[in-house]
């Protein structure tokens, strides 16, 4: 399973579509995703301005676009990248996660269940 993090507004725009993409597909040629254990880091690095987000759980076997696992920035950690649009039918679960009282995303019961 891989995770795509969607803002609340983004989820409203894509939930009834057959496919969706992020701006990174046009800019970089792929859509950034992560593994469940990478989610907290991604949230706190890239989504601090969002009060809440949806974690879209994607079944890699159901993806219709190519998936590559890469360490493009030589960070010593590989992340999943989807090279094409993501078919909404590949989403097997979604989890809403909120920032805590300190303005950080932290491990919640729902996030632990994804691990």
PDB file of N, CA and C in Angstrom:
ATOM      1  N   UNK A   1       0.839  -1.178   0.000  1.00  0.00           N
ATOM      2  CA  UNK A   1       0.000   0.000   0.000  1.00  0.00           C
ATOM      3  C   UNK A   1       0.882   1.239   0.000  1.00  0.00           C
ATOM      4  N   UNK A   2       0.461   2.229  -0.794  1.00  0.00           N
ATOM      5  CA  UNK A   2       1.118   3.524  -0.785  1.00  0.00           C
ATOM      6  C   UNK A   2       0.085   4.574  -0.396  1.00  0.00           C
ATOM      7  N   UNK A   3       0.567   5.730   0.004  1.00  0.00           N
ATOM      8  CA  UNK A   3      -0.296   6.807   0.480  1.00  0.00           C
ATOM      9  C   UNK A   3      -0.124   8.030  -0.411  1.00  0.00           C
ATOM     10  N   UNK A   4      -1.245   8.609  -0.809  1.00  0.00           N
ATOM     11  CA  UNK A   4      -1.249   9.928  -1.436  1.00  0.00           C
ATOM     12  C   UNK A   4      -1.927  10.858  -0.454  1.00  0.00           C
ATOM     13  N   UNK A   5      -1.297  11.967  -0.125  1.00  0.00           N
ATOM     14  CA  UNK A   5      -1.862  12.924   0.816  1.00  0.00           C
ATOM     15  C   UNK A   5      -2.626  13.986   0.043  1.00  0.00           C
ATOM     16  N   UNK A   6      -3.892  14.136   0.366  1.00  0.00           N
ATOM     17  CA  UNK A   6      -4.752  15.109  -0.314  1.00  0.00           C
ATOM     18  C   UNK A   6      -5.292  16.120   0.689  1.00  0.00           C
ATOM     19  N   UNK A   7      -5.306  17.373   0.297  1.00  0.00           N
ATOM     20  CA  UNK A   7      -5.962  18.371   1.137  1.00  0.00           C
ATOM     21  C   UNK A   7      -7.461  18.099   1.104  1.00  0.00           C
ATOM     22  N   UNK A   8      -8.175  18.680   2.043  1.00  0.00           N
ATOM     23  CA  UNK A   8      -9.626  18.477   2.082  1.00  0.00           C
ATOM     24  C   UNK A   8     -10.264  18.977   0.795  1.00  0.00           C
ATOM     25  N   UNK A   9      -9.811  20.125   0.307  1.00  0.00           N
ATOM     26  CA  UNK A   9     -10.337  20.699  -0.938  1.00  0.00           C
ATOM     27  C   UNK A   9     -10.013  19.785  -2.123  1.00  0.00           C
ATOM     28  N   UNK A  10      -8.801  19.282  -2.158  1.00  0.00           N
ATOM     29  CA  UNK A  10      -8.398  18.401  -3.254  1.00  0.00           C
ATOM     30  C   UNK A  10      -9.261  17.140  -3.290  1.00  0.00           C
ATOM     31  N   UNK A  11      -9.540  16.548  -2.125  1.00  0.00           N
ATOM     32  CA  UNK A  11     -10.366  15.343  -2.090  1.00  0.00           C
ATOM     33  C   UNK A  11     -11.765  15.631  -2.650  1.00  0.00           C
ATOM     34  N   UNK A  12     -12.339  16.771  -2.301  1.00  0.00           N
ATOM     35  CA  UNK A  12     -13.662  17.131  -2.822  1.00  0.00           C
ATOM     36  C   UNK A  12     -13.649  17.218  -4.347  1.00  0.00           C
ATOM     37  N   UNK A  13     -12.533  17.665  -4.909  1.00  0.00           N
ATOM     38  CA  UNK A  13     -12.424  17.811  -6.364  1.00  0.00           C
ATOM     39  C   UNK A  13     -12.213  16.479  -7.078  1.00  0.00           C
ATOM     40  N   UNK A  14     -11.610  15.510  -6.416  1.00  0.00           N
ATOM     41  CA  UNK A  14     -11.250  14.270  -7.115  1.00  0.00           C
ATOM     42  C   UNK A  14     -12.134  13.072  -6.786  1.00  0.00           C
ATOM     43  N   UNK A  15     -12.878  13.120  -5.704  1.00  0.00           N
ATOM     44  CA  UNK A  15     -13.570  11.919  -5.217  1.00  0.00           C
ATOM     45  C   UNK A  15     -14.569  11.328  -6.202  1.00  0.00           C
ATOM     46  N   UNK A  16     -15.147  12.130  -7.059  1.00  0.00           N
ATOM     47  CA  UNK A  16     -16.143  11.626  -8.001  1.00  0.00           C
ATOM     48  C   UNK A  16     -15.593  11.438  -9.412  1.00  0.00           C
ATOM     49  N   UNK A  17     -14.287  11.577  -9.564  1.00  0.00           N
ATOM     50  CA  UNK A  17     -13.671  11.416 -10.878  1.00  0.00           C
ATOM     51  C   UNK A  17     -13.135   9.997 -11.043  1.00  0.00           C
ATOM     52  N   UNK A  18     -12.813   9.654 -12.271  1.00  0.00           N
ATOM     53  CA  UNK A  18     -12.243   8.339 -12.543  1.00  0.00           C
ATOM     54  C   UNK A  18     -10.742   8.328 -12.273  1.00  0.00           C
ATOM     55  N   UNK A  19     -10.064   9.456 -12.577  1.00  0.00           N
ATOM     56  CA  UNK A  19      -8.620   9.602 -12.398  1.00  0.00           C
ATOM     57  C   UNK A  19      -8.328  10.962 -11.786  1.00  0.00           C
ATOM     58  N   UNK A  20      -7.185  11.072 -11.136  1.00  0.00           N
ATOM     59  CA  UNK A  20      -6.750  12.377 -10.660  1.00  0.00           C
ATOM     60  C   UNK A  20      -5.239  12.476 -10.784  1.00  0.00           C
ATOM     61  N   UNK A  21      -4.771  13.710 -10.689  1.00  0.00           N
ATOM     62  CA  UNK A  21      -3.336  13.962 -10.735  1.00  0.00           C
ATOM     63  C   UNK A  21      -3.037  15.184  -9.881  1.00  0.00           C
ATOM     64  N   UNK A  22      -1.790  15.342  -9.536  1.00  0.00           N
ATOM     65  CA  UNK A  22      -1.359  16.535  -8.817  1.00  0.00           C
ATOM     66  C   UNK A  22      -0.543  17.384  -9.783  1.00  0.00           C
ATOM     67  N   UNK A  23      -0.247  18.599  -9.377  1.00  0.00           N
ATOM     68  CA  UNK A  23       0.538  19.489 -10.239  1.00  0.00           C
ATOM     69  C   UNK A  23       1.936  18.930 -10.498  1.00  0.00           C
ATOM     70  N   UNK A  24       2.420  18.064  -9.616  1.00  0.00           N
ATOM     71  CA  UNK A  24       3.760  17.506  -9.807  1.00  0.00           C
ATOM     72  C   UNK A  24       3.840  16.604 -11.040  1.00  0.00           C
ATOM     73  N   UNK A  25       2.714  16.054 -11.485  1.00  0.00           N
ATOM     74  CA  UNK A  25       2.748  15.211 -12.683  1.00  0.00           C
ATOM     75  C   UNK A  25       3.166  16.045 -13.887  1.00  0.00           C
ATOM     76  N   UNK A  26       2.618  17.241 -14.014  1.00  0.00           N
ATOM     77  CA  UNK A  26       3.002  18.127 -15.117  1.00  0.00           C
ATOM     78  C   UNK A  26       4.400  18.699 -14.917  1.00  0.00           C
ATOM     79  N   UNK A  27       4.739  19.060 -13.693  1.00  0.00           N
ATOM     80  CA  UNK A  27       6.016  19.716 -13.411  1.00  0.00           C
ATOM     81  C   UNK A  27       7.194  18.756 -13.370  1.00  0.00           C
ATOM     82  N   UNK A  28       6.986  17.564 -12.779  1.00  0.00           N
ATOM     83  CA  UNK A  28       8.090  16.635 -12.572  1.00  0.00           C
ATOM     84  C   UNK A  28       7.933  15.307 -13.306  1.00  0.00           C
ATOM     85  N   UNK A  29       6.732  15.060 -13.838  1.00  0.00           N
ATOM     86  CA  UNK A  29       6.499  13.837 -14.579  1.00  0.00           C
ATOM     87  C   UNK A  29       5.966  12.685 -13.744  1.00  0.00           C
ATOM     88  N   UNK A  30       5.709  12.914 -12.454  1.00  0.00           N
ATOM     89  CA  UNK A  30       5.174  11.874 -11.581  1.00  0.00           C
ATOM     90  C   UNK A  30       4.418  12.493 -10.421  1.00  0.00           C
ATOM     91  N   UNK A  31       3.658  11.651  -9.728  1.00  0.00           N
ATOM     92  CA  UNK A  31       2.914  12.068  -8.542  1.00  0.00           C
ATOM     93  C   UNK A  31       3.622  11.505  -7.316  1.00  0.00           C
ATOM     94  N   UNK A  32       3.920  12.385  -6.377  1.00  0.00           N
ATOM     95  CA  UNK A  32       4.582  11.975  -5.136  1.00  0.00           C
ATOM     96  C   UNK A  32       3.625  11.199  -4.243  1.00  0.00           C
ATOM     97  N   UNK A  33       4.086  10.075  -3.745  1.00  0.00           N
ATOM     98  CA  UNK A  33       3.359   9.295  -2.748  1.00  0.00           C
ATOM     99  C   UNK A  33       4.357   8.905  -1.667  1.00  0.00           C
ATOM    100  N   UNK A  34       3.900   8.175  -0.685  1.00  0.00           N
ATOM    101  CA  UNK A  34       4.805   7.694   0.355  1.00  0.00           C
ATOM    102  C   UNK A  34       4.270   6.372   0.885  1.00  0.00           C
ATOM    103  N   UNK A  35       5.090   5.738   1.693  1.00  0.00           N
ATOM    104  CA  UNK A  35       4.666   4.538   2.404  1.00  0.00           C
ATOM    105  C   UNK A  35       4.097   4.971   3.747  1.00  0.00           C
ATOM    106  N   UNK A  36       3.255   4.155   4.377  1.00  0.00           N
ATOM    107  CA  UNK A  36       2.651   4.548   5.646  1.00  0.00           C
ATOM    108  C   UNK A  36       3.652   5.071   6.683  1.00  0.00           C
ATOM    109  N   UNK A  37       4.798   4.425   6.817  1.00  0.00           N
ATOM    110  CA  UNK A  37       5.777   4.863   7.836  1.00  0.00           C
ATOM    111  C   UNK A  37       6.431   6.200   7.489  1.00  0.00           C
ATOM    112  N   UNK A  38       6.302   6.661   6.247  1.00  0.00           N
ATOM    113  CA  UNK A  38       6.860   7.950   5.823  1.00  0.00           C
ATOM    114  C   UNK A  38       5.841   9.078   5.935  1.00  0.00           C
ATOM    115  N   UNK A  39       4.600   8.735   6.209  1.00  0.00           N
ATOM    116  CA  UNK A  39       3.504   9.695   6.161  1.00  0.00           C
ATOM    117  C   UNK A  39       3.683  10.859   7.125  1.00  0.00           C
ATOM    118  N   UNK A  40       4.043  10.586   8.354  1.00  0.00           N
ATOM    119  CA  UNK A  40       4.179  11.645   9.354  1.00  0.00           C
ATOM    120  C   UNK A  40       5.231  12.665   8.932  1.00  0.00           C
ATOM    121  N   UNK A  41       6.353  12.202   8.428  1.00  0.00           N
ATOM    122  CA  UNK A  41       7.401  13.107   7.957  1.00  0.00           C
ATOM    123  C   UNK A  41       6.884  13.970   6.809  1.00  0.00           C
ATOM    124  N   UNK A  42       6.193  13.346   5.847  1.00  0.00           N
ATOM    125  CA  UNK A  42       5.651  14.079   4.693  1.00  0.00           C
ATOM    126  C   UNK A  42       4.652  15.135   5.154  1.00  0.00           C
ATOM    127  N   UNK A  43       3.757  14.769   6.056  1.00  0.00           N
ATOM    128  CA  UNK A  43       2.758  15.718   6.553  1.00  0.00           C
ATOM    129  C   UNK A  43       3.401  16.931   7.207  1.00  0.00           C
ATOM    130  N   UNK A  44       4.357  16.697   8.088  1.00  0.00           N
ATOM    131  CA  UNK A  44       4.984  17.805   8.810  1.00  0.00           C
ATOM    132  C   UNK A  44       5.923  18.628   7.944  1.00  0.00           C
ATOM    133  N   UNK A  45       6.405  18.065   6.871  1.00  0.00           N
ATOM    134  CA  UNK A  45       7.282  18.826   5.968  1.00  0.00           C
ATOM    135  C   UNK A  45       6.482  19.622   4.938  1.00  0.00           C
ATOM    136  N   UNK A  46       5.420  19.033   4.406  1.00  0.00           N
ATOM    137  CA  UNK A  46       4.742  19.639   3.266  1.00  0.00           C
ATOM    138  C   UNK A  46       3.305  20.117   3.519  1.00  0.00           C
ATOM    139  N   UNK A  47       2.712  19.762   4.654  1.00  0.00           N
ATOM    140  CA  UNK A  47       1.299  20.089   4.873  1.00  0.00           C
ATOM    141  C   UNK A  47       1.044  20.832   6.177  1.00  0.00           C
ATOM    142  N   UNK A  48       2.032  21.548   6.682  1.00  0.00           N
ATOM    143  CA  UNK A  48       1.873  22.264   7.951  1.00  0.00           C
ATOM    144  C   UNK A  48       0.775  23.321   7.896  1.00  0.00           C
ATOM    145  N   UNK A  49       0.515  23.857   6.724  1.00  0.00           N
ATOM    146  CA  UNK A  49      -0.508  24.886   6.587  1.00  0.00           C
ATOM    147  C   UNK A  49      -1.926  24.335   6.548  1.00  0.00           C
ATOM    148  N   UNK A  50      -2.057  23.034   6.488  1.00  0.00           N
ATOM    149  CA  UNK A  50      -3.376  22.399   6.424  1.00  0.00           C
ATOM    150  C   UNK A  50      -3.798  21.933   7.816  1.00  0.00           C
ATOM    151  N   UNK A  51      -4.996  22.303   8.201  1.00  0.00           N
ATOM    152  CA  UNK A  51      -5.523  21.871   9.500  1.00  0.00           C
ATOM    153  C   UNK A  51      -5.755  20.364   9.520  1.00  0.00           C
ATOM    154  N   UNK A  52      -6.230  19.842   8.386  1.00  0.00           N
ATOM    155  CA  UNK A  52      -6.522  18.414   8.245  1.00  0.00           C
ATOM    156  C   UNK A  52      -6.206  17.985   6.823  1.00  0.00           C
ATOM    157  N   UNK A  53      -5.932  16.714   6.655  1.00  0.00           N
ATOM    158  CA  UNK A  53      -5.707  16.157   5.323  1.00  0.00           C
ATOM    159  C   UNK A  53      -6.329  14.775   5.258  1.00  0.00           C
ATOM    160  N   UNK A  54      -6.502  14.288   4.034  1.00  0.00           N
ATOM    161  CA  UNK A  54      -6.926  12.912   3.807  1.00  0.00           C
ATOM    162  C   UNK A  54      -5.715  12.110   3.374  1.00  0.00           C
ATOM    163  N   UNK A  55      -5.514  10.979   3.975  1.00  0.00           N
ATOM    164  CA  UNK A  55      -4.514  10.032   3.524  1.00  0.00           C
ATOM    165  C   UNK A  55      -5.251   9.025   2.654  1.00  0.00           C
ATOM    166  N   UNK A  56      -4.956   9.042   1.371  1.00  0.00           N
ATOM    167  CA  UNK A  56      -5.613   8.132   0.440  1.00  0.00           C
ATOM    168  C   UNK A  56      -4.742   6.893   0.308  1.00  0.00           C
ATOM    169  N   UNK A  57      -5.267   5.781   0.747  1.00  0.00           N
ATOM    170  CA  UNK A  57      -4.540   4.515   0.743  1.00  0.00           C
ATOM    171  C   UNK A  57      -4.765   3.828  -0.598  1.00  0.00           C
ATOM    172  N   UNK A  58      -3.691   3.604  -1.309  1.00  0.00           N
ATOM    173  CA  UNK A  58      -3.765   3.098  -2.673  1.00  0.00           C
ATOM    174  C   UNK A  58      -3.190   1.688  -2.746  1.00  0.00           C
ATOM    175  N   UNK A  59      -3.954   0.804  -3.350  1.00  0.00           N
ATOM    176  CA  UNK A  59      -3.498  -0.562  -3.600  1.00  0.00           C
ATOM    177  C   UNK A  59      -2.643  -0.530  -4.863  1.00  0.00           C
ATOM    178  N   UNK A  60      -1.369  -0.798  -4.694  1.00  0.00           N
ATOM    179  CA  UNK A  60      -0.417  -0.742  -5.814  1.00  0.00           C
ATOM    180  C   UNK A  60      -0.822  -1.673  -6.957  1.00  0.00           C
ATOM    181  N   UNK A  61      -1.453  -2.791  -6.616  1.00  0.00           N
ATOM    182  CA  UNK A  61      -1.865  -3.765  -7.630  1.00  0.00           C
ATOM    183  C   UNK A  61      -3.006  -3.233  -8.497  1.00  0.00           C
ATOM    184  N   UNK A  62      -3.759  -2.276  -7.991  1.00  0.00           N
ATOM    185  CA  UNK A  62      -4.902  -1.737  -8.731  1.00  0.00           C
ATOM    186  C   UNK A  62      -4.558  -0.495  -9.546  1.00  0.00           C
ATOM    187  N   UNK A  63      -3.356   0.034  -9.354  1.00  0.00           N
ATOM    188  CA  UNK A  63      -2.935   1.214 -10.119  1.00  0.00           C
ATOM    189  C   UNK A  63      -2.871   0.884 -11.601  1.00  0.00           C
ATOM    190  N   UNK A  64      -3.343   1.807 -12.427  1.00  0.00           N
ATOM    191  CA  UNK A  64      -3.244   1.606 -13.871  1.00  0.00           C
ATOM    192  C   UNK A  64      -2.041   2.327 -14.462  1.00  0.00           C
ATOM    193  N   UNK A  65      -1.413   3.208 -13.705  1.00  0.00           N
ATOM    194  CA  UNK A  65      -0.199   3.905 -14.142  1.00  0.00           C
ATOM    195  C   UNK A  65       1.027   3.231 -13.534  1.00  0.00           C
ATOM    196  N   UNK A  66       2.172   3.517 -14.111  1.00  0.00           N
ATOM    197  CA  UNK A  66       3.420   2.916 -13.643  1.00  0.00           C
ATOM    198  C   UNK A  66       3.819   3.453 -12.270  1.00  0.00           C
ATOM    199  N   UNK A  67       4.253   2.552 -11.405  1.00  0.00           N
ATOM    200  CA  UNK A  67       4.759   2.907 -10.081  1.00  0.00           C
ATOM    201  C   UNK A  67       6.252   2.607 -10.035  1.00  0.00           C
ATOM    202  N   UNK A  68       7.025   3.602  -9.609  1.00  0.00           N
ATOM    203  CA  UNK A  68       8.466   3.400  -9.420  1.00  0.00           C
ATOM    204  C   UNK A  68       8.818   3.794  -7.990  1.00  0.00           C
ATOM    205  N   UNK A  69       9.713   3.047  -7.385  1.00  0.00           N
ATOM    206  CA  UNK A  69      10.205   3.354  -6.039  1.00  0.00           C
ATOM    207  C   UNK A  69      11.610   3.900  -6.216  1.00  0.00           C
ATOM    208  N   UNK A  70      11.788   5.190  -5.820  1.00  0.00           N
ATOM    209  CA  UNK A  70      13.033   5.884  -6.153  1.00  0.00           C
ATOM    210  C   UNK A  70      13.516   6.776  -5.013  1.00  0.00           C
ATOM    211  N   UNK A  71      14.805   6.992  -5.002  1.00  0.00           N
ATOM    212  CA  UNK A  71      15.442   7.965  -4.116  1.00  0.00           C
ATOM    213  C   UNK A  71      16.035   9.044  -5.024  1.00  0.00           C
ATOM    214  N   UNK A  72      15.181   9.914  -5.532  1.00  0.00           N
ATOM    215  CA  UNK A  72      15.602  10.891  -6.539  1.00  0.00           C
ATOM    216  C   UNK A  72      16.480  12.010  -5.975  1.00  0.00           C
ATOM    217  N   UNK A  73      16.369  12.289  -4.702  1.00  0.00           N
ATOM    218  CA  UNK A  73      17.136  13.381  -4.090  1.00  0.00           C
ATOM    219  C   UNK A  73      18.284  12.862  -3.245  1.00  0.00           C
ATOM    220  N   UNK A  74      18.612  11.592  -3.413  1.00  0.00           N
ATOM    221  CA  UNK A  74      19.702  10.965  -2.658  1.00  0.00           C
ATOM    222  C   UNK A  74      19.583  11.223  -1.161  1.00  0.00           C
ATOM    223  N   UNK A  75      18.384  10.997  -0.631  1.00  0.00           N
ATOM    224  CA  UNK A  75      18.115  11.196   0.794  1.00  0.00           C
ATOM    225  C   UNK A  75      18.390   9.932   1.597  1.00  0.00           C
ATOM    226  N   UNK A  76      18.686   8.844   0.898  1.00  0.00           N
ATOM    227  CA  UNK A  76      18.895   7.585   1.589  1.00  0.00           C
ATOM    228  C   UNK A  76      17.600   6.867   1.907  1.00  0.00           C
ATOM    229  N   UNK A  77      16.518   7.321   1.299  1.00  0.00           N
ATOM    230  CA  UNK A  77      15.215   6.701   1.519  1.00  0.00           C
ATOM    231  C   UNK A  77      14.437   6.744   0.206  1.00  0.00           C
ATOM    232  N   UNK A  78      13.815   5.623  -0.129  1.00  0.00           N
ATOM    233  CA  UNK A  78      13.064   5.530  -1.373  1.00  0.00           C
ATOM    234  C   UNK A  78      11.587   5.837  -1.139  1.00  0.00           C
ATOM    235  N   UNK A  79      11.016   6.568  -2.095  1.00  0.00           N
ATOM    236  CA  UNK A  79       9.606   6.929  -2.062  1.00  0.00           C
ATOM    237  C   UNK A  79       8.924   6.411  -3.319  1.00  0.00           C
ATOM    238  N   UNK A  80       7.648   6.049  -3.220  1.00  0.00           N
ATOM    239  CA  UNK A  80       6.903   5.618  -4.401  1.00  0.00           C
ATOM    240  C   UNK A  80       6.446   6.824  -5.226  1.00  0.00           C
ATOM    241  N   UNK A  81       6.618   6.726  -6.530  1.00  0.00           N
ATOM    242  CA  UNK A  81       6.195   7.773  -7.464  1.00  0.00           C
ATOM    243  C   UNK A  81       5.315   7.135  -8.530  1.00  0.00           C
ATOM    244  N   UNK A  82       4.194   7.770  -8.821  1.00  0.00           N
ATOM    245  CA  UNK A  82       3.276   7.266  -9.839  1.00  0.00           C
ATOM    246  C   UNK A  82       3.483   8.086 -11.102  1.00  0.00           C
ATOM    247  N   UNK A  83       3.866   7.408 -12.166  1.00  0.00           N
ATOM    248  CA  UNK A  83       4.141   8.057 -13.449  1.00  0.00           C
ATOM    249  C   UNK A  83       2.892   8.014 -14.321  1.00  0.00           C
ATOM    250  N   UNK A  84       1.962   8.879 -14.014  1.00  0.00           N
ATOM    251  CA  UNK A  84       0.692   8.984 -14.721  1.00  0.00           C
ATOM    252  C   UNK A  84      -0.403   9.311 -13.722  1.00  0.00           C
ATOM    253  N   UNK A  85      -1.608   9.422 -14.230  1.00  0.00           N
ATOM    254  CA  UNK A  85      -2.751   9.717 -13.364  1.00  0.00           C
ATOM    255  C   UNK A  85      -3.036   8.521 -12.446  1.00  0.00           C
ATOM    256  N   UNK A  86      -3.628   8.816 -11.306  1.00  0.00           N
ATOM    257  CA  UNK A  86      -4.018   7.767 -10.360  1.00  0.00           C
ATOM    258  C   UNK A  86      -5.500   7.486 -10.546  1.00  0.00           C
ATOM    259  N   UNK A  87      -5.822   6.239 -10.793  1.00  0.00           N
ATOM    260  CA  UNK A  87      -7.226   5.863 -10.914  1.00  0.00           C
ATOM    261  C   UNK A  87      -7.853   5.796  -9.517  1.00  0.00           C
ATOM    262  N   UNK A  88      -8.977   6.471  -9.362  1.00  0.00           N
ATOM    263  CA  UNK A  88      -9.652   6.545  -8.069  1.00  0.00           C
ATOM    264  C   UNK A  88     -10.049   5.147  -7.587  1.00  0.00           C
ATOM    265  N   UNK A  89     -10.279   4.228  -8.513  1.00  0.00           N
ATOM    266  CA  UNK A  89     -10.643   2.855  -8.132  1.00  0.00           C
ATOM    267  C   UNK A  89      -9.516   2.128  -7.395  1.00  0.00           C
ATOM    268  N   UNK A  90      -8.296   2.671  -7.419  1.00  0.00           N
ATOM    269  CA  UNK A  90      -7.188   2.050  -6.693  1.00  0.00           C
ATOM    270  C   UNK A  90      -7.160   2.454  -5.217  1.00  0.00           C
ATOM    271  N   UNK A  91      -7.989   3.432  -4.836  1.00  0.00           N
ATOM    272  CA  UNK A  91      -8.058   3.876  -3.440  1.00  0.00           C
ATOM    273  C   UNK A  91      -8.883   2.866  -2.650  1.00  0.00           C
ATOM    274  N   UNK A  92      -8.237   2.219  -1.697  1.00  0.00           N
ATOM    275  CA  UNK A  92      -8.904   1.175  -0.921  1.00  0.00           C
ATOM    276  C   UNK A  92      -9.346   1.658   0.462  1.00  0.00           C
ATOM    277  N   UNK A  93      -8.844   2.821   0.868  1.00  0.00           N
ATOM    278  CA  UNK A  93      -9.211   3.375   2.170  1.00  0.00           C
ATOM    279  C   UNK A  93      -8.795   4.835   2.178  1.00  0.00           C
ATOM    280  N   UNK A  94      -9.401   5.597   3.055  1.00  0.00           N
ATOM    281  CA  UNK A  94      -8.948   6.974   3.270  1.00  0.00           C
ATOM    282  C   UNK A  94      -9.089   7.290   4.741  1.00  0.00           C
ATOM    283  N   UNK A  95      -8.116   8.008   5.246  1.00  0.00           N
ATOM    284  CA  UNK A  95      -8.061   8.325   6.669  1.00  0.00           C
ATOM    285  C   UNK A  95      -7.874   9.828   6.806  1.00  0.00           C
ATOM    286  N   UNK A  96      -8.740  10.452   7.565  1.00  0.00           N
ATOM    287  CA  UNK A  96      -8.619  11.880   7.821  1.00  0.00           C
ATOM    288  C   UNK A  96      -7.710  12.069   9.025  1.00  0.00           C
ATOM    289  N   UNK A  97      -6.752  12.966   8.890  1.00  0.00           N
ATOM    290  CA  UNK A  97      -5.803  13.194   9.983  1.00  0.00           C
ATOM    291  C   UNK A  97      -5.712  14.696  10.233  1.00  0.00           C
ATOM    292  N   UNK A  98      -5.586  15.057  11.507  1.00  0.00           N
ATOM    293  CA  UNK A  98      -5.579  16.462  11.918  1.00  0.00           C
ATOM    294  C   UNK A  98      -4.267  16.802  12.625  1.00  0.00           C
ATOM    295  N   UNK A  99      -3.941  18.095  12.593  1.00  0.00           N
ATOM    296  CA  UNK A  99      -2.798  18.560  13.382  1.00  0.00           C
ATOM    297  C   UNK A  99      -3.183  18.529  14.859  1.00  0.00           C
ATOM    298  N   UNK A 100      -2.173  18.389  15.715  1.00  0.00           N
ATOM    299  CA  UNK A 100      -2.447  18.373  17.149  1.00  0.00           C
ATOM    300  C   UNK A 100      -2.450  19.796  17.704  1.00  0.00           C
ATOM    301  N   UNK A 101      -2.542  19.934  19.011  1.00  0.00           N
ATOM    302  CA  UNK A 101      -2.599  21.251  19.649  1.00  0.00           C
ATOM    303  C   UNK A 101      -1.327  22.059  19.462  1.00  0.00           C
ATOM    304  N   UNK A 102      -0.229  21.388  19.135  1.00  0.00           N
ATOM    305  CA  UNK A 102       1.040  22.085  18.897  1.00  0.00           C
ATOM    306  C   UNK A 102       1.227  22.463  17.427  1.00  0.00           C
ATOM    307  N   UNK A 103       0.220  22.180  16.607  1.00  0.00           N
ATOM    308  CA  UNK A 103       0.314  22.512  15.192  1.00  0.00           C
ATOM    309  C   UNK A 103       1.090  21.505  14.365  1.00  0.00           C
ATOM    310  N   UNK A 104       1.347  20.349  14.952  1.00  0.00           N
ATOM    311  CA  UNK A 104       2.094  19.285  14.272  1.00  0.00           C
ATOM    312  C   UNK A 104       1.153  18.129  13.975  1.00  0.00           C
ATOM    313  N   UNK A 105       1.534  17.358  13.002  1.00  0.00           N
ATOM    314  CA  UNK A 105       0.862  16.076  12.791  1.00  0.00           C
ATOM    315  C   UNK A 105       1.599  15.058  13.649  1.00  0.00           C
ATOM    316  N   UNK A 106       0.871  14.224  14.329  1.00  0.00           N
ATOM    317  CA  UNK A 106       1.493  13.215  15.176  1.00  0.00           C
ATOM    318  C   UNK A 106       0.799  11.871  14.944  1.00  0.00           C
ATOM    319  N   UNK A 107       1.393  10.825  15.482  1.00  0.00           N
ATOM    320  CA  UNK A 107       0.840   9.494  15.289  1.00  0.00           C
ATOM    321  C   UNK A 107      -0.495   9.390  16.015  1.00  0.00           C
ATOM    322  N   UNK A 108      -1.493   9.013  15.269  1.00  0.00           N
ATOM    323  CA  UNK A 108      -2.827   8.811  15.815  1.00  0.00           C
ATOM    324  C   UNK A 108      -3.179   7.326  15.732  1.00  0.00           C
ATOM    325  N   UNK A 109      -4.248   6.964  16.349  1.00  0.00           N
ATOM    326  CA  UNK A 109      -4.718   5.576  16.267  1.00  0.00           C
ATOM    327  C   UNK A 109      -4.923   5.182  14.808  1.00  0.00           C
ATOM    328  N   UNK A 110      -5.523   6.071  14.028  1.00  0.00           N
ATOM    329  CA  UNK A 110      -5.797   5.790  12.614  1.00  0.00           C
ATOM    330  C   UNK A 110      -4.509   5.613  11.817  1.00  0.00           C
ATOM    331  N   UNK A 111      -3.517   6.429  12.103  1.00  0.00           N
ATOM    332  CA  UNK A 111      -2.241   6.328  11.402  1.00  0.00           C
ATOM    333  C   UNK A 111      -1.516   5.044  11.803  1.00  0.00           C
ATOM    334  N   UNK A 112      -1.564   4.688  13.078  1.00  0.00           N
ATOM    335  CA  UNK A 112      -0.938   3.440  13.538  1.00  0.00           C
ATOM    336  C   UNK A 112      -1.527   2.232  12.822  1.00  0.00           C
ATOM    337  N   UNK A 113      -2.824   2.275  12.579  1.00  0.00           N
ATOM    338  CA  UNK A 113      -3.479   1.162  11.900  1.00  0.00           C
ATOM    339  C   UNK A 113      -2.981   0.979  10.467  1.00  0.00           C
ATOM    340  N   UNK A 114      -2.466   2.037   9.865  1.00  0.00           N
ATOM    341  CA  UNK A 114      -1.922   1.943   8.512  1.00  0.00           C
ATOM    342  C   UNK A 114      -0.542   1.298   8.505  1.00  0.00           C
ATOM    343  N   UNK A 115       0.171   1.387   9.621  1.00  0.00           N
ATOM    344  CA  UNK A 115       1.519   0.819   9.704  1.00  0.00           C
ATOM    345  C   UNK A 115       1.437  -0.681   9.589  1.00  0.00           C
TER     346      UNK A 115
END
